[in-house]
Amino acid sequence: MAFGRKSKKYFLWSFLIGIAPDVLSFGIFMAANVLGILGDSSASWQREAGTPPMDSIPVFVHVLYNFTHSLVIFGIVFLLVWLIWKKPVWPLLAWGLHILVDIPSHSDTFFPTPFLYPISDFHVNGINWGNPIIFFPNWILLFLAYGGWWLYRKCRAK
């Protein structure tokens, strides 16, 4: 079901770990905005359509984004957890998959993926995921993958 496991528990963990890189960087920022912790000035860009200016986003978001979107950091954490638990924790691969998907789907203009952080600041100037050439195929592939999985499970149950 999720990374070779048939348990719903592994699927849930894989899902949560897969969205964690964005939740740990942007989610904290959004929650602080909703709670009014950052003040009104940091949320002013939300009232306007479009991408916010990079300098309107607090430094801590950029720092967290660098850590959570680095294949280097992911690899170190994956190996440390493997050493501690004495076996690979496969749901962690969802984190690495998140980074791999982000590399070609983020452009220079808004949070390019720092996948080699802290070794290098090299990044790929990809096509923004909001671009129709990425956005619609992404949704179609997700629909086909989950639809295929659902049909497989339904047919297998009979």
Protein backbone atom coordinates (compact mmCIF):
# COMPACT_ATOMS: atom_id res chain seq x y z
CA MET A 1 0.00 0.00 0.00
CA ALA A 2 2.66 2.52 1.00
CA PHE A 3 6.26 1.76 0.14
CA GLY A 4 5.70 -1.98 0.06
CA ARG A 5 3.54 -2.18 3.17
CA LYS A 6 -0.08 -3.27 3.16
CA SER A 7 -1.02 -1.65 6.44
CA LYS A 8 -3.17 1.48 6.68
CA LYS A 9 -0.80 2.60 9.43
CA TYR A 10 2.08 2.76 6.94
CA PHE A 11 -0.08 4.60 4.43
CA LEU A 12 -1.00 7.23 7.04
CA TRP A 13 2.61 7.64 8.16
CA SER A 14 3.81 7.89 4.57
CA PHE A 15 1.17 10.51 3.82
CA LEU A 16 2.02 12.59 6.90
CA ILE A 17 5.77 12.34 6.31
CA GLY A 18 5.23 13.20 2.62
CA ILE A 19 3.50 16.49 3.45
CA ALA A 20 5.76 17.27 6.44
CA PRO A 21 8.37 19.30 4.49
CA ASP A 22 5.77 21.89 3.53
CA VAL A 23 3.83 21.74 6.81
CA LEU A 24 7.01 22.24 8.86
CA SER A 25 7.99 25.33 6.89
CA PHE A 26 4.87 26.97 5.50
CA GLY A 27 2.37 25.45 7.92
CA ILE A 28 4.03 27.01 10.94
CA PHE A 29 4.08 30.37 9.16
CA MET A 30 0.42 30.11 8.17
CA ALA A 31 -0.62 29.06 11.68
CA ALA A 32 1.31 32.00 13.16
CA ASN A 33 -0.46 34.32 10.68
CA VAL A 34 -3.89 32.93 11.55
CA LEU A 35 -3.16 33.27 15.27
CA GLY A 36 -1.86 36.82 14.75
CA ILE A 37 1.53 35.99 16.25
CA LEU A 38 3.50 37.63 13.42
CA GLY A 39 1.42 40.79 13.36
CA ASP A 40 -0.69 42.23 10.56
CA SER A 41 2.20 43.41 8.38
CA SER A 42 3.44 39.90 7.57
CA ALA A 43 -0.01 38.83 6.41
CA SER A 44 -0.73 41.87 4.23
CA TRP A 45 0.38 40.11 1.05
CA GLN A 46 -2.32 37.48 1.58
CA ARG A 47 -4.99 40.02 0.72
CA GLU A 48 -3.62 40.38 -2.79
CA ALA A 49 -3.65 37.75 -5.53
CA GLY A 50 -0.43 36.19 -6.72
CA THR A 51 2.86 35.10 -5.25
CA PRO A 52 4.01 37.07 -2.22
CA PRO A 53 7.34 38.89 -2.35
CA MET A 54 10.12 36.67 -0.98
CA ASP A 55 11.24 39.37 1.48
CA SER A 56 7.75 39.42 3.05
CA ILE A 57 8.22 35.85 4.28
CA PRO A 58 10.10 35.55 7.61
CA VAL A 59 13.64 34.17 7.66
CA PHE A 60 12.61 31.17 9.78
CA VAL A 61 10.44 29.91 6.90
CA HIS A 62 13.43 29.99 4.52
CA VAL A 63 15.64 28.20 7.08
CA LEU A 64 13.03 25.49 7.72
CA TYR A 65 12.42 25.14 3.98
CA ASN A 66 16.15 24.60 3.37
CA PHE A 67 16.29 21.83 5.99
CA THR A 68 13.06 20.09 5.02
CA HIS A 69 13.75 20.19 1.27
CA SER A 70 17.32 18.89 1.32
CA LEU A 71 18.16 15.39 0.06
CA VAL A 72 21.34 15.64 2.14
CA ILE A 73 19.39 16.22 5.37
CA PHE A 74 16.85 13.58 4.36
CA GLY A 75 19.63 11.04 3.74
CA ILE A 76 21.28 11.74 7.09
CA VAL A 77 17.97 11.43 8.96
CA PHE A 78 17.01 8.25 7.05
CA LEU A 79 20.37 6.63 7.89
CA LEU A 80 20.28 7.77 11.55
CA VAL A 81 16.78 6.34 12.02
CA TRP A 82 17.91 3.13 10.31
CA LEU A 83 20.87 2.87 12.68
CA ILE A 84 18.73 3.59 15.76
CA TRP A 85 15.87 1.24 14.84
CA LYS A 86 18.21 -1.30 13.22
CA LYS A 87 15.97 -1.44 10.14
CA PRO A 88 14.92 1.00 7.41
CA VAL A 89 11.77 2.98 8.15
CA TRP A 90 10.20 2.90 4.69
CA PRO A 91 7.52 5.59 5.24
CA LEU A 92 10.40 8.10 5.50
CA LEU A 93 10.91 7.62 1.77
CA ALA A 94 7.82 9.79 1.26
CA TRP A 95 9.95 12.72 2.45
CA GLY A 96 12.60 11.98 -0.17
CA LEU A 97 9.92 11.54 -2.83
CA HIS A 98 8.46 14.93 -1.89
CA ILE A 99 11.86 16.55 -2.49
CA LEU A 100 12.36 14.73 -5.80
CA VAL A 101 8.95 15.92 -7.04
CA ASP A 102 9.69 19.49 -5.90
CA ILE A 103 13.03 19.75 -7.73
CA PRO A 104 11.61 20.07 -11.27
CA SER A 105 8.34 21.70 -10.16
CA HIS A 106 9.73 24.80 -8.46
CA SER A 107 11.12 27.78 -10.32
CA ASP A 108 13.73 30.37 -9.34
CA THR A 109 11.04 32.92 -8.65
CA PHE A 110 9.49 31.29 -5.57
CA PHE A 111 11.24 28.79 -3.28
CA PRO A 112 13.46 26.79 -5.61
CA THR A 113 14.25 23.42 -4.02
CA PRO A 114 17.61 23.50 -2.17
CA PHE A 115 18.09 19.74 -2.53
CA LEU A 116 21.86 19.87 -1.89
CA TYR A 117 21.65 22.09 1.22
CA PRO A 118 23.94 22.60 3.22
CA ILE A 119 26.62 21.39 0.80
CA SER A 120 25.61 23.64 -2.08
CA ASP A 121 23.01 26.25 -2.95
CA PHE A 122 22.61 24.74 -6.44
CA HIS A 123 19.00 24.33 -7.52
CA VAL A 124 17.05 23.59 -10.67
CA ASN A 125 15.01 26.33 -12.28
CA GLY A 126 12.00 24.13 -12.90
CA ILE A 127 8.49 24.81 -14.08
CA ASN A 128 6.30 26.15 -11.31
CA TRP A 129 3.82 23.51 -10.11
CA GLY A 130 0.98 26.01 -10.63
CA ASN A 131 1.71 26.08 -14.37
CA PRO A 132 -0.99 24.13 -16.28
CA ILE A 133 1.68 21.96 -17.94
CA ILE A 134 2.55 20.58 -14.46
CA PHE A 135 -0.69 21.17 -12.53
CA PHE A 136 -3.13 19.22 -14.71
CA PRO A 137 -0.90 16.19 -15.47
CA ASN A 138 -0.18 16.01 -11.73
CA TRP A 139 -3.89 15.77 -10.89
CA ILE A 140 -4.55 13.34 -13.75
CA LEU A 141 -1.70 11.06 -12.66
CA LEU A 142 -2.84 11.17 -9.03
CA PHE A 143 -6.40 10.33 -10.11
CA LEU A 144 -5.19 7.43 -12.28
CA ALA A 145 -2.84 6.10 -9.59
CA TYR A 146 -5.42 6.18 -6.81
CA GLY A 147 -8.19 5.01 -9.14
CA GLY A 148 -6.02 2.09 -10.26
CA TRP A 149 -5.13 1.26 -6.67
CA TRP A 150 -8.81 1.41 -5.66
CA LEU A 151 -9.86 -0.86 -8.58
CA TYR A 152 -7.05 -3.31 -7.80
CA ARG A 153 -8.14 -3.57 -4.16
CA LYS A 154 -11.82 -3.88 -5.14
CA CYS A 155 -11.11 -6.64 -7.66
CA ARG A 156 -8.76 -8.42 -5.27
CA ALA A 157 -11.40 -8.43 -2.53
CA LYS A 158 -13.81 -10.38 -4.77
